[in-house]
Amino acid sequence: MHVLDGDEQHTLFGTDPAPGRVRRAADVQRVGLVAEVLALNGVLALVAATTCLEVHVATGSDGADDPYAAPARCDLTLPAYRQSAEESVTELMNLLKRRELA
């Protein structure tokens, strides 16, 4: 598995001078293309980029002593502590398809 961090893409691809929304759309498209190429070569790619969706991966524990507050509103909550990775991926893909993002 390889994690593609949207914040690091500027270093990899250079800075695009386009305005905010246009630049972000291009950034997400570039990172998505890299993820697609990795997937075509058998590498699972996890993309962390700013998009119009918020997905909360609930682990059942934050692993720390500090209190944790789950997001009040998010587009999808994945209860990772009680379902398989495959089930979580299926739920996420269904959301992306409903929003016409996949």
PDB file of N, CA and C in Angstrom:
ATOM      1  N   MET A   1       0.846  -1.176   0.000  1.00  0.00           N
ATOM      2  CA  MET A   1       0.000   0.000   0.000  1.00  0.00           C
ATOM      3  C   MET A   1       0.893   1.242   0.000  1.00  0.00           C
ATOM      4  N   HIS A   2       0.435   2.271  -0.700  1.00  0.00           N
ATOM      5  CA  HIS A   2       1.150   3.542  -0.749  1.00  0.00           C
ATOM      6  C   HIS A   2       0.176   4.672  -0.437  1.00  0.00           C
ATOM      7  N   VAL A   3       0.580   5.562   0.447  1.00  0.00           N
ATOM      8  CA  VAL A   3      -0.253   6.711   0.807  1.00  0.00           C
ATOM      9  C   VAL A   3       0.177   7.908  -0.027  1.00  0.00           C
ATOM     10  N   LEU A   4      -0.782   8.513  -0.712  1.00  0.00           N
ATOM     11  CA  LEU A   4      -0.540   9.737  -1.488  1.00  0.00           C
ATOM     12  C   LEU A   4      -1.152  10.897  -0.720  1.00  0.00           C
ATOM     13  N   ASP A   5      -0.310  11.772  -0.217  1.00  0.00           N
ATOM     14  CA  ASP A   5      -0.758  12.906   0.584  1.00  0.00           C
ATOM     15  C   ASP A   5      -0.913  14.124  -0.314  1.00  0.00           C
ATOM     16  N   GLY A   6      -2.119  14.652  -0.370  1.00  0.00           N
ATOM     17  CA  GLY A   6      -2.394  15.816  -1.211  1.00  0.00           C
ATOM     18  C   GLY A   6      -1.534  17.013  -0.876  1.00  0.00           C
ATOM     19  N   ASP A   7      -1.141  17.150   0.403  1.00  0.00           N
ATOM     20  CA  ASP A   7      -0.297  18.278   0.797  1.00  0.00           C
ATOM     21  C   ASP A   7       1.109  18.158   0.217  1.00  0.00           C
ATOM     22  N   GLU A   8       1.562  16.920   0.004  1.00  0.00           N
ATOM     23  CA  GLU A   8       2.906  16.712  -0.524  1.00  0.00           C
ATOM     24  C   GLU A   8       2.959  16.794  -2.050  1.00  0.00           C
ATOM     25  N   GLN A   9       1.807  16.791  -2.714  1.00  0.00           N
ATOM     26  CA  GLN A   9       1.796  16.785  -4.177  1.00  0.00           C
ATOM     27  C   GLN A   9       2.437  18.032  -4.770  1.00  0.00           C
ATOM     28  N   HIS A  10       2.406  19.156  -4.049  1.00  0.00           N
ATOM     29  CA  HIS A  10       3.026  20.383  -4.571  1.00  0.00           C
ATOM     30  C   HIS A  10       4.523  20.183  -4.787  1.00  0.00           C
ATOM     31  N   THR A  11       5.161  19.465  -3.886  1.00  0.00           N
ATOM     32  CA  THR A  11       6.584  19.176  -4.025  1.00  0.00           C
ATOM     33  C   THR A  11       6.828  18.274  -5.229  1.00  0.00           C
ATOM     34  N   LEU A  12       5.937  17.298  -5.413  1.00  0.00           N
ATOM     35  CA  LEU A  12       6.111  16.338  -6.501  1.00  0.00           C
ATOM     36  C   LEU A  12       5.804  16.930  -7.866  1.00  0.00           C
ATOM     37  N   PHE A  13       4.747  17.729  -7.959  1.00  0.00           N
ATOM     38  CA  PHE A  13       4.266  18.202  -9.254  1.00  0.00           C
ATOM     39  C   PHE A  13       4.544  19.675  -9.513  1.00  0.00           C
ATOM     40  N   GLY A  14       5.045  20.401  -8.529  1.00  0.00           N
ATOM     41  CA  GLY A  14       5.268  21.830  -8.696  1.00  0.00           C
ATOM     42  C   GLY A  14       4.034  22.620  -8.307  1.00  0.00           C
ATOM     43  N   THR A  15       4.165  23.904  -8.216  1.00  0.00           N
ATOM     44  CA  THR A  15       3.065  24.772  -7.815  1.00  0.00           C
ATOM     45  C   THR A  15       2.324  25.283  -9.040  1.00  0.00           C
ATOM     46  N   ASP A  16       1.027  25.145  -9.013  1.00  0.00           N
ATOM     47  CA  ASP A  16       0.175  25.613 -10.101  1.00  0.00           C
ATOM     48  C   ASP A  16      -0.313  27.018  -9.750  1.00  0.00           C
ATOM     49  N   PRO A  17      -0.131  28.005 -10.623  1.00  0.00           N
ATOM     50  CA  PRO A  17      -0.521  29.377 -10.300  1.00  0.00           C
ATOM     51  C   PRO A  17      -2.021  29.647 -10.419  1.00  0.00           C
ATOM     52  N   ALA A  18      -2.816  28.652 -10.810  1.00  0.00           N
ATOM     53  CA  ALA A  18      -4.254  28.865 -10.992  1.00  0.00           C
ATOM     54  C   ALA A  18      -4.914  29.218  -9.653  1.00  0.00           C
ATOM     55  N   PRO A  19      -6.086  29.897  -9.709  1.00  0.00           N
ATOM     56  CA  PRO A  19      -6.813  30.244  -8.484  1.00  0.00           C
ATOM     57  C   PRO A  19      -7.177  29.012  -7.669  1.00  0.00           C
ATOM     58  N   GLY A  20      -7.503  29.219  -6.395  1.00  0.00           N
ATOM     59  CA  GLY A  20      -7.756  28.171  -5.429  1.00  0.00           C
ATOM     60  C   GLY A  20      -8.560  26.975  -5.892  1.00  0.00           C
ATOM     61  N   ARG A  21      -9.810  27.177  -6.263  1.00  0.00           N
ATOM     62  CA  ARG A  21     -10.685  26.060  -6.608  1.00  0.00           C
ATOM     63  C   ARG A  21     -10.192  25.317  -7.855  1.00  0.00           C
ATOM     64  N   VAL A  22      -9.743  26.052  -8.833  1.00  0.00           N
ATOM     65  CA  VAL A  22      -9.226  25.451 -10.064  1.00  0.00           C
ATOM     66  C   VAL A  22      -7.962  24.662  -9.761  1.00  0.00           C
ATOM     67  N   ARG A  23      -7.086  25.234  -8.971  1.00  0.00           N
ATOM     68  CA  ARG A  23      -5.839  24.562  -8.600  1.00  0.00           C
ATOM     69  C   ARG A  23      -6.110  23.289  -7.815  1.00  0.00           C
ATOM     70  N   ARG A  24      -7.036  23.362  -6.845  1.00  0.00           N
ATOM     71  CA  ARG A  24      -7.354  22.176  -6.039  1.00  0.00           C
ATOM     72  C   ARG A  24      -7.909  21.059  -6.909  1.00  0.00           C
ATOM     73  N   ALA A  25      -8.772  21.400  -7.851  1.00  0.00           N
ATOM     74  CA  ALA A  25      -9.331  20.384  -8.750  1.00  0.00           C
ATOM     75  C   ALA A  25      -8.222  19.722  -9.563  1.00  0.00           C
ATOM     76  N   ALA A  26      -7.281  20.510 -10.054  1.00  0.00           N
ATOM     77  CA  ALA A  26      -6.157  19.963 -10.816  1.00  0.00           C
ATOM     78  C   ALA A  26      -5.266  19.103  -9.921  1.00  0.00           C
ATOM     79  N   ASP A  27      -5.041  19.546  -8.681  1.00  0.00           N
ATOM     80  CA  ASP A  27      -4.223  18.780  -7.741  1.00  0.00           C
ATOM     81  C   ASP A  27      -4.840  17.411  -7.472  1.00  0.00           C
ATOM     82  N   VAL A  28      -6.133  17.394  -7.208  1.00  0.00           N
ATOM     83  CA  VAL A  28      -6.823  16.134  -6.935  1.00  0.00           C
ATOM     84  C   VAL A  28      -6.774  15.236  -8.163  1.00  0.00           C
ATOM     85  N   GLN A  29      -6.920  15.822  -9.337  1.00  0.00           N
ATOM     86  CA  GLN A  29      -6.855  15.037 -10.571  1.00  0.00           C
ATOM     87  C   GLN A  29      -5.470  14.411 -10.748  1.00  0.00           C
ATOM     88  N   ARG A  30      -4.422  15.161 -10.470  1.00  0.00           N
ATOM     89  CA  ARG A  30      -3.060  14.631 -10.591  1.00  0.00           C
ATOM     90  C   ARG A  30      -2.815  13.483  -9.623  1.00  0.00           C
ATOM     91  N   VAL A  31      -3.193  13.686  -8.372  1.00  0.00           N
ATOM     92  CA  VAL A  31      -2.994  12.643  -7.366  1.00  0.00           C
ATOM     93  C   VAL A  31      -3.838  11.415  -7.719  1.00  0.00           C
ATOM     94  N   GLY A  32      -5.045  11.645  -8.220  1.00  0.00           N
ATOM     95  CA  GLY A  32      -5.893  10.535  -8.641  1.00  0.00           C
ATOM     96  C   GLY A  32      -5.285   9.740  -9.778  1.00  0.00           C
ATOM     97  N   LEU A  33      -4.637  10.423 -10.703  1.00  0.00           N
ATOM     98  CA  LEU A  33      -3.969   9.737 -11.811  1.00  0.00           C
ATOM     99  C   LEU A  33      -2.833   8.860 -11.303  1.00  0.00           C
ATOM    100  N   VAL A  34      -2.050   9.390 -10.372  1.00  0.00           N
ATOM    101  CA  VAL A  34      -0.965   8.592  -9.788  1.00  0.00           C
ATOM    102  C   VAL A  34      -1.547   7.374  -9.075  1.00  0.00           C
ATOM    103  N   ALA A  35      -2.629   7.547  -8.331  1.00  0.00           N
ATOM    104  CA  ALA A  35      -3.274   6.425  -7.642  1.00  0.00           C
ATOM    105  C   ALA A  35      -3.758   5.378  -8.645  1.00  0.00           C
ATOM    106  N   GLU A  36      -4.297   5.840  -9.760  1.00  0.00           N
ATOM    107  CA  GLU A  36      -4.775   4.918 -10.787  1.00  0.00           C
ATOM    108  C   GLU A  36      -3.626   4.104 -11.385  1.00  0.00           C
ATOM    109  N   VAL A  37      -2.510   4.759 -11.660  1.00  0.00           N
ATOM    110  CA  VAL A  37      -1.346   4.057 -12.205  1.00  0.00           C
ATOM    111  C   VAL A  37      -0.820   3.040 -11.193  1.00  0.00           C
ATOM    112  N   LEU A  38      -0.763   3.416  -9.921  1.00  0.00           N
ATOM    113  CA  LEU A  38      -0.336   2.474  -8.892  1.00  0.00           C
ATOM    114  C   LEU A  38      -1.271   1.272  -8.841  1.00  0.00           C
ATOM    115  N   ALA A  39      -2.586   1.529  -8.875  1.00  0.00           N
ATOM    116  CA  ALA A  39      -3.567   0.443  -8.817  1.00  0.00           C
ATOM    117  C   ALA A  39      -3.440  -0.484 -10.017  1.00  0.00           C
ATOM    118  N   LEU A  40      -3.193   0.070 -11.184  1.00  0.00           N
ATOM    119  CA  LEU A  40      -3.016  -0.747 -12.389  1.00  0.00           C
ATOM    120  C   LEU A  40      -1.798  -1.656 -12.277  1.00  0.00           C
ATOM    121  N   ASN A  41      -0.870  -1.284 -11.400  1.00  0.00           N
ATOM    122  CA  ASN A  41       0.333  -2.080 -11.186  1.00  0.00           C
ATOM    123  C   ASN A  41       0.272  -2.888  -9.892  1.00  0.00           C
ATOM    124  N   GLY A  42      -0.939  -3.059  -9.372  1.00  0.00           N
ATOM    125  CA  GLY A  42      -1.138  -3.921  -8.214  1.00  0.00           C
ATOM    126  C   GLY A  42      -0.847  -3.300  -6.870  1.00  0.00           C
ATOM    127  N   VAL A  43      -0.706  -1.976  -6.806  1.00  0.00           N
ATOM    128  CA  VAL A  43      -0.419  -1.299  -5.544  1.00  0.00           C
ATOM    129  C   VAL A  43      -1.686  -0.617  -5.049  1.00  0.00           C
ATOM    130  N   LEU A  44      -2.098  -0.945  -3.823  1.00  0.00           N
ATOM    131  CA  LEU A  44      -3.242  -0.273  -3.207  1.00  0.00           C
ATOM    132  C   LEU A  44      -2.813   1.132  -2.836  1.00  0.00           C
ATOM    133  N   ALA A  45      -3.538   2.123  -3.315  1.00  0.00           N
ATOM    134  CA  ALA A  45      -3.193   3.518  -3.046  1.00  0.00           C
ATOM    135  C   ALA A  45      -4.259   4.155  -2.176  1.00  0.00           C
ATOM    136  N   LEU A  46      -3.840   4.764  -1.083  1.00  0.00           N
ATOM    137  CA  LEU A  46      -4.723   5.518  -0.199  1.00  0.00           C
ATOM    138  C   LEU A  46      -4.424   6.988  -0.440  1.00  0.00           C
ATOM    139  N   VAL A  47      -5.440   7.734  -0.889  1.00  0.00           N
ATOM    140  CA  VAL A  47      -5.254   9.137  -1.219  1.00  0.00           C
ATOM    141  C   VAL A  47      -5.831  10.008  -0.112  1.00  0.00           C
ATOM    142  N   ALA A  48      -5.009  10.908   0.402  1.00  0.00           N
ATOM    143  CA  ALA A  48      -5.447  11.880   1.392  1.00  0.00           C
ATOM    144  C   ALA A  48      -5.376  13.253   0.731  1.00  0.00           C
ATOM    145  N   ALA A  49      -6.542  13.760   0.329  1.00  0.00           N
ATOM    146  CA  ALA A  49      -6.578  15.044  -0.366  1.00  0.00           C
ATOM    147  C   ALA A  49      -7.809  15.816   0.076  1.00  0.00           C
ATOM    148  N   THR A  50      -7.753  17.115  -0.035  1.00  0.00           N
ATOM    149  CA  THR A  50      -8.893  17.955   0.288  1.00  0.00           C
ATOM    150  C   THR A  50      -9.921  17.807  -0.822  1.00  0.00           C
ATOM    151  N   THR A  51     -11.095  17.374  -0.449  1.00  0.00           N
ATOM    152  CA  THR A  51     -12.174  17.211  -1.414  1.00  0.00           C
ATOM    153  C   THR A  51     -13.456  17.746  -0.803  1.00  0.00           C
ATOM    154  N   CYS A  52     -14.540  17.468  -1.460  1.00  0.00           N
ATOM    155  CA  CYS A  52     -15.829  17.944  -0.962  1.00  0.00           C
ATOM    156  C   CYS A  52     -16.483  16.922  -0.041  1.00  0.00           C
ATOM    157  N   LEU A  53     -15.791  15.878   0.347  1.00  0.00           N
ATOM    158  CA  LEU A  53     -16.348  14.852   1.225  1.00  0.00           C
ATOM    159  C   LEU A  53     -15.552  14.745   2.511  1.00  0.00           C
ATOM    160  N   GLU A  54     -16.258  14.432   3.592  1.00  0.00           N
ATOM    161  CA  GLU A  54     -15.579  14.141   4.846  1.00  0.00           C
ATOM    162  C   GLU A  54     -15.948  12.727   5.248  1.00  0.00           C
ATOM    163  N   VAL A  55     -14.942  11.887   5.415  1.00  0.00           N
ATOM    164  CA  VAL A  55     -15.139  10.495   5.807  1.00  0.00           C
ATOM    165  C   VAL A  55     -14.466  10.297   7.153  1.00  0.00           C
ATOM    166  N   HIS A  56     -15.239   9.817   8.117  1.00  0.00           N
ATOM    167  CA  HIS A  56     -14.719   9.548   9.453  1.00  0.00           C
ATOM    168  C   HIS A  56     -14.481   8.055   9.591  1.00  0.00           C
ATOM    169  N   VAL A  57     -13.242   7.668   9.862  1.00  0.00           N
ATOM    170  CA  VAL A  57     -12.907   6.270  10.097  1.00  0.00           C
ATOM    171  C   VAL A  57     -12.897   6.068  11.606  1.00  0.00           C
ATOM    172  N   ALA A  58     -13.956   5.438  12.102  1.00  0.00           N
ATOM    173  CA  ALA A  58     -14.112   5.222  13.545  1.00  0.00           C
ATOM    174  C   ALA A  58     -13.372   3.953  13.935  1.00  0.00           C
ATOM    175  N   THR A  59     -12.402   4.091  14.840  1.00  0.00           N
ATOM    176  CA  THR A  59     -11.592   2.947  15.241  1.00  0.00           C
ATOM    177  C   THR A  59     -12.047   2.339  16.558  1.00  0.00           C
ATOM    178  N   GLY A  60     -12.964   2.987  17.244  1.00  0.00           N
ATOM    179  CA  GLY A  60     -13.422   2.488  18.531  1.00  0.00           C
ATOM    180  C   GLY A  60     -12.567   2.989  19.683  1.00  0.00           C
ATOM    181  N   SER A  61     -11.354   3.448  19.385  1.00  0.00           N
ATOM    182  CA  SER A  61     -10.447   3.977  20.395  1.00  0.00           C
ATOM    183  C   SER A  61      -9.465   4.898  19.701  1.00  0.00           C
ATOM    184  N   ASP A  62      -9.120   5.996  20.371  1.00  0.00           N
ATOM    185  CA  ASP A  62      -8.149   6.905  19.764  1.00  0.00           C
ATOM    186  C   ASP A  62      -6.724   6.558  20.175  1.00  0.00           C
ATOM    187  N   GLY A  63      -6.585   5.622  21.110  1.00  0.00           N
ATOM    188  CA  GLY A  63      -5.262   5.196  21.525  1.00  0.00           C
ATOM    189  C   GLY A  63      -4.529   6.199  22.389  1.00  0.00           C
ATOM    190  N   ALA A  64      -5.225   7.214  22.857  1.00  0.00           N
ATOM    191  CA  ALA A  64      -4.594   8.239  23.694  1.00  0.00           C
ATOM    192  C   ALA A  64      -5.503   8.560  24.859  1.00  0.00           C
ATOM    193  N   ASP A  65      -4.975   9.283  25.808  1.00  0.00           N
ATOM    194  CA  ASP A  65      -5.756   9.655  26.981  1.00  0.00           C
ATOM    195  C   ASP A  65      -6.653  10.852  26.737  1.00  0.00           C
ATOM    196  N   ASP A  66      -6.345  11.633  25.708  1.00  0.00           N
ATOM    197  CA  ASP A  66      -7.130  12.825  25.423  1.00  0.00           C
ATOM    198  C   ASP A  66      -8.505  12.445  24.893  1.00  0.00           C
ATOM    199  N   PRO A  67      -9.548  13.150  25.329  1.00  0.00           N
ATOM    200  CA  PRO A  67     -10.880  12.869  24.785  1.00  0.00           C
ATOM    201  C   PRO A  67     -10.925  13.173  23.290  1.00  0.00           C
ATOM    202  N   TYR A  68     -11.677  12.376  22.574  1.00  0.00           N
ATOM    203  CA  TYR A  68     -11.812  12.559  21.125  1.00  0.00           C
ATOM    204  C   TYR A  68     -13.274  12.760  20.790  1.00  0.00           C
ATOM    205  N   ALA A  69     -13.563  13.759  19.993  1.00  0.00           N
ATOM    206  CA  ALA A  69     -14.936  14.009  19.553  1.00  0.00           C
ATOM    207  C   ALA A  69     -15.023  13.699  18.064  1.00  0.00           C
ATOM    208  N   ALA A  70     -15.884  12.757  17.717  1.00  0.00           N
ATOM    209  CA  ALA A  70     -16.114  12.436  16.309  1.00  0.00           C
ATOM    210  C   ALA A  70     -16.746  13.645  15.626  1.00  0.00           C
ATOM    211  N   PRO A  71     -16.598  13.771  14.312  1.00  0.00           N
ATOM    212  CA  PRO A  71     -17.206  14.899  13.600  1.00  0.00           C
ATOM    213  C   PRO A  71     -18.724  14.925  13.800  1.00  0.00           C
ATOM    214  N   ALA A  72     -19.246  16.110  14.004  1.00  0.00           N
ATOM    215  CA  ALA A  72     -20.692  16.252  14.180  1.00  0.00           C
ATOM    216  C   ALA A  72     -21.441  15.886  12.901  1.00  0.00           C
ATOM    217  N   ARG A  73     -20.889  16.290  11.776  1.00  0.00           N
ATOM    218  CA  ARG A  73     -21.483  15.980  10.473  1.00  0.00           C
ATOM    219  C   ARG A  73     -20.385  15.527   9.537  1.00  0.00           C
ATOM    220  N   CYS A  74     -20.595  14.398   8.933  1.00  0.00           N
ATOM    221  CA  CYS A  74     -19.664  13.949   7.907  1.00  0.00           C
ATOM    222  C   CYS A  74     -20.474  13.175   6.867  1.00  0.00           C
ATOM    223  N   ASP A  75     -19.895  12.981   5.718  1.00  0.00           N
ATOM    224  CA  ASP A  75     -20.602  12.313   4.631  1.00  0.00           C
ATOM    225  C   ASP A  75     -20.692  10.806   4.830  1.00  0.00           C
ATOM    226  N   LEU A  76     -19.733  10.255   5.564  1.00  0.00           N
ATOM    227  CA  LEU A  76     -19.716   8.813   5.783  1.00  0.00           C
ATOM    228  C   LEU A  76     -18.910   8.507   7.026  1.00  0.00           C
ATOM    229  N   THR A  77     -19.422   7.605   7.849  1.00  0.00           N
ATOM    230  CA  THR A  77     -18.664   7.079   8.980  1.00  0.00           C
ATOM    231  C   THR A  77     -18.414   5.611   8.716  1.00  0.00           C
ATOM    232  N   LEU A  78     -17.153   5.231   8.756  1.00  0.00           N
ATOM    233  CA  LEU A  78     -16.774   3.839   8.554  1.00  0.00           C
ATOM    234  C   LEU A  78     -16.400   3.242   9.909  1.00  0.00           C
ATOM    235  N   PRO A  79     -17.195   2.310  10.422  1.00  0.00           N
ATOM    236  CA  PRO A  79     -16.886   1.690  11.715  1.00  0.00           C
ATOM    237  C   PRO A  79     -15.806   0.617  11.545  1.00  0.00           C
ATOM    238  N   ALA A  80     -14.563   1.054  11.385  1.00  0.00           N
ATOM    239  CA  ALA A  80     -13.455   0.156  11.075  1.00  0.00           C
ATOM    240  C   ALA A  80     -13.213  -0.880  12.171  1.00  0.00           C
ATOM    241  N   TYR A  81     -13.630  -0.597  13.383  1.00  0.00           N
ATOM    242  CA  TYR A  81     -13.429  -1.524  14.494  1.00  0.00           C
ATOM    243  C   TYR A  81     -14.380  -2.719  14.439  1.00  0.00           C
ATOM    244  N   ARG A  82     -15.411  -2.658  13.578  1.00  0.00           N
ATOM    245  CA  ARG A  82     -16.346  -3.782  13.527  1.00  0.00           C
ATOM    246  C   ARG A  82     -16.651  -4.275  12.108  1.00  0.00           C
ATOM    247  N   GLN A  83     -15.915  -3.789  11.121  1.00  0.00           N
ATOM    248  CA  GLN A  83     -16.105  -4.302   9.767  1.00  0.00           C
ATOM    249  C   GLN A  83     -14.745  -4.459   9.098  1.00  0.00           C
ATOM    250  N   SER A  84     -14.711  -5.271   8.068  1.00  0.00           N
ATOM    251  CA  SER A  84     -13.456  -5.533   7.371  1.00  0.00           C
ATOM    252  C   SER A  84     -13.065  -4.336   6.510  1.00  0.00           C
ATOM    253  N   ALA A  85     -11.796  -4.328   6.114  1.00  0.00           N
ATOM    254  CA  ALA A  85     -11.320  -3.285   5.208  1.00  0.00           C
ATOM    255  C   ALA A  85     -12.099  -3.325   3.903  1.00  0.00           C
ATOM    256  N   GLU A  86     -12.419  -4.534   3.436  1.00  0.00           N
ATOM    257  CA  GLU A  86     -13.176  -4.680   2.190  1.00  0.00           C
ATOM    258  C   GLU A  86     -14.563  -4.060   2.310  1.00  0.00           C
ATOM    259  N   GLU A  87     -15.215  -4.244   3.456  1.00  0.00           N
ATOM    260  CA  GLU A  87     -16.538  -3.641   3.665  1.00  0.00           C
ATOM    261  C   GLU A  87     -16.444  -2.117   3.696  1.00  0.00           C
ATOM    262  N   SER A  88     -15.403  -1.596   4.330  1.00  0.00           N
ATOM    263  CA  SER A  88     -15.211  -0.144   4.382  1.00  0.00           C
ATOM    264  C   SER A  88     -14.973   0.415   2.980  1.00  0.00           C
ATOM    265  N   VAL A  89     -14.150  -0.265   2.199  1.00  0.00           N
ATOM    266  CA  VAL A  89     -13.877   0.186   0.834  1.00  0.00           C
ATOM    267  C   VAL A  89     -15.162   0.160   0.011  1.00  0.00           C
ATOM    268  N   THR A  90     -15.972  -0.876   0.173  1.00  0.00           N
ATOM    269  CA  THR A  90     -17.245  -0.969  -0.559  1.00  0.00           C
ATOM    270  C   THR A  90     -18.152   0.201  -0.205  1.00  0.00           C
ATOM    271  N   GLU A  91     -18.260   0.517   1.082  1.00  0.00           N
ATOM    272  CA  GLU A  91     -19.098   1.656   1.497  1.00  0.00           C
ATOM    273  C   GLU A  91     -18.585   2.960   0.903  1.00  0.00           C
ATOM    274  N   LEU A  92     -17.271   3.152   0.949  1.00  0.00           N
ATOM    275  CA  LEU A  92     -16.689   4.376   0.406  1.00  0.00           C
ATOM    276  C   LEU A  92     -16.913   4.460  -1.096  1.00  0.00           C
ATOM    277  N   MET A  93     -16.695   3.378  -1.808  1.00  0.00           N
ATOM    278  CA  MET A  93     -16.901   3.384  -3.267  1.00  0.00           C
ATOM    279  C   MET A  93     -18.375   3.652  -3.607  1.00  0.00           C
ATOM    280  N   ASN A  94     -19.294   3.099  -2.832  1.00  0.00           N
ATOM    281  CA  ASN A  94     -20.721   3.363  -3.068  1.00  0.00           C
ATOM    282  C   ASN A  94     -21.029   4.848  -2.907  1.00  0.00           C
ATOM    283  N   LEU A  95     -20.451   5.473  -1.885  1.00  0.00           N
ATOM    284  CA  LEU A  95     -20.655   6.915  -1.695  1.00  0.00           C
ATOM    285  C   LEU A  95     -20.085   7.694  -2.870  1.00  0.00           C
ATOM    286  N   LEU A  96     -18.869   7.357  -3.282  1.00  0.00           N
ATOM    287  CA  LEU A  96     -18.252   8.063  -4.403  1.00  0.00           C
ATOM    288  C   LEU A  96     -19.072   7.907  -5.679  1.00  0.00           C
ATOM    289  N   LYS A  97     -19.609   6.726  -5.919  1.00  0.00           N
ATOM    290  CA  LYS A  97     -20.434   6.505  -7.105  1.00  0.00           C
ATOM    291  C   LYS A  97     -21.727   7.299  -7.033  1.00  0.00           C
ATOM    292  N   ARG A  98     -22.353   7.327  -5.839  1.00  0.00           N
ATOM    293  CA  ARG A  98     -23.590   8.117  -5.687  1.00  0.00           C
ATOM    294  C   ARG A  98     -23.346   9.599  -5.957  1.00  0.00           C
ATOM    295  N   ARG A  99     -22.178  10.081  -5.563  1.00  0.00           N
ATOM    296  CA  ARG A  99     -21.826  11.497  -5.775  1.00  0.00           C
ATOM    297  C   ARG A  99     -21.183  11.728  -7.145  1.00  0.00           C
ATOM    298  N   GLU A 100     -21.112  10.660  -7.952  1.00  0.00           N
ATOM    299  CA  GLU A 100     -20.514  10.719  -9.289  1.00  0.00           C
ATOM    300  C   GLU A 100     -19.056  11.184  -9.232  1.00  0.00           C
ATOM    301  N   LEU A 101     -18.318  10.674  -8.250  1.00  0.00           N
ATOM    302  CA  LEU A 101     -16.906  10.980  -8.095  1.00  0.00           C
ATOM    303  C   LEU A 101     -16.022   9.778  -8.435  1.00  0.00           C
ATOM    304  N   ALA A 102     -16.666   8.665  -8.765  1.00  0.00           N
ATOM    305  CA  ALA A 102     -15.912   7.454  -9.153  1.00  0.00           C
ATOM    306  C   ALA A 102     -16.665   6.736 -10.265  1.00  0.00           C
TER     307      ALA A 102
END
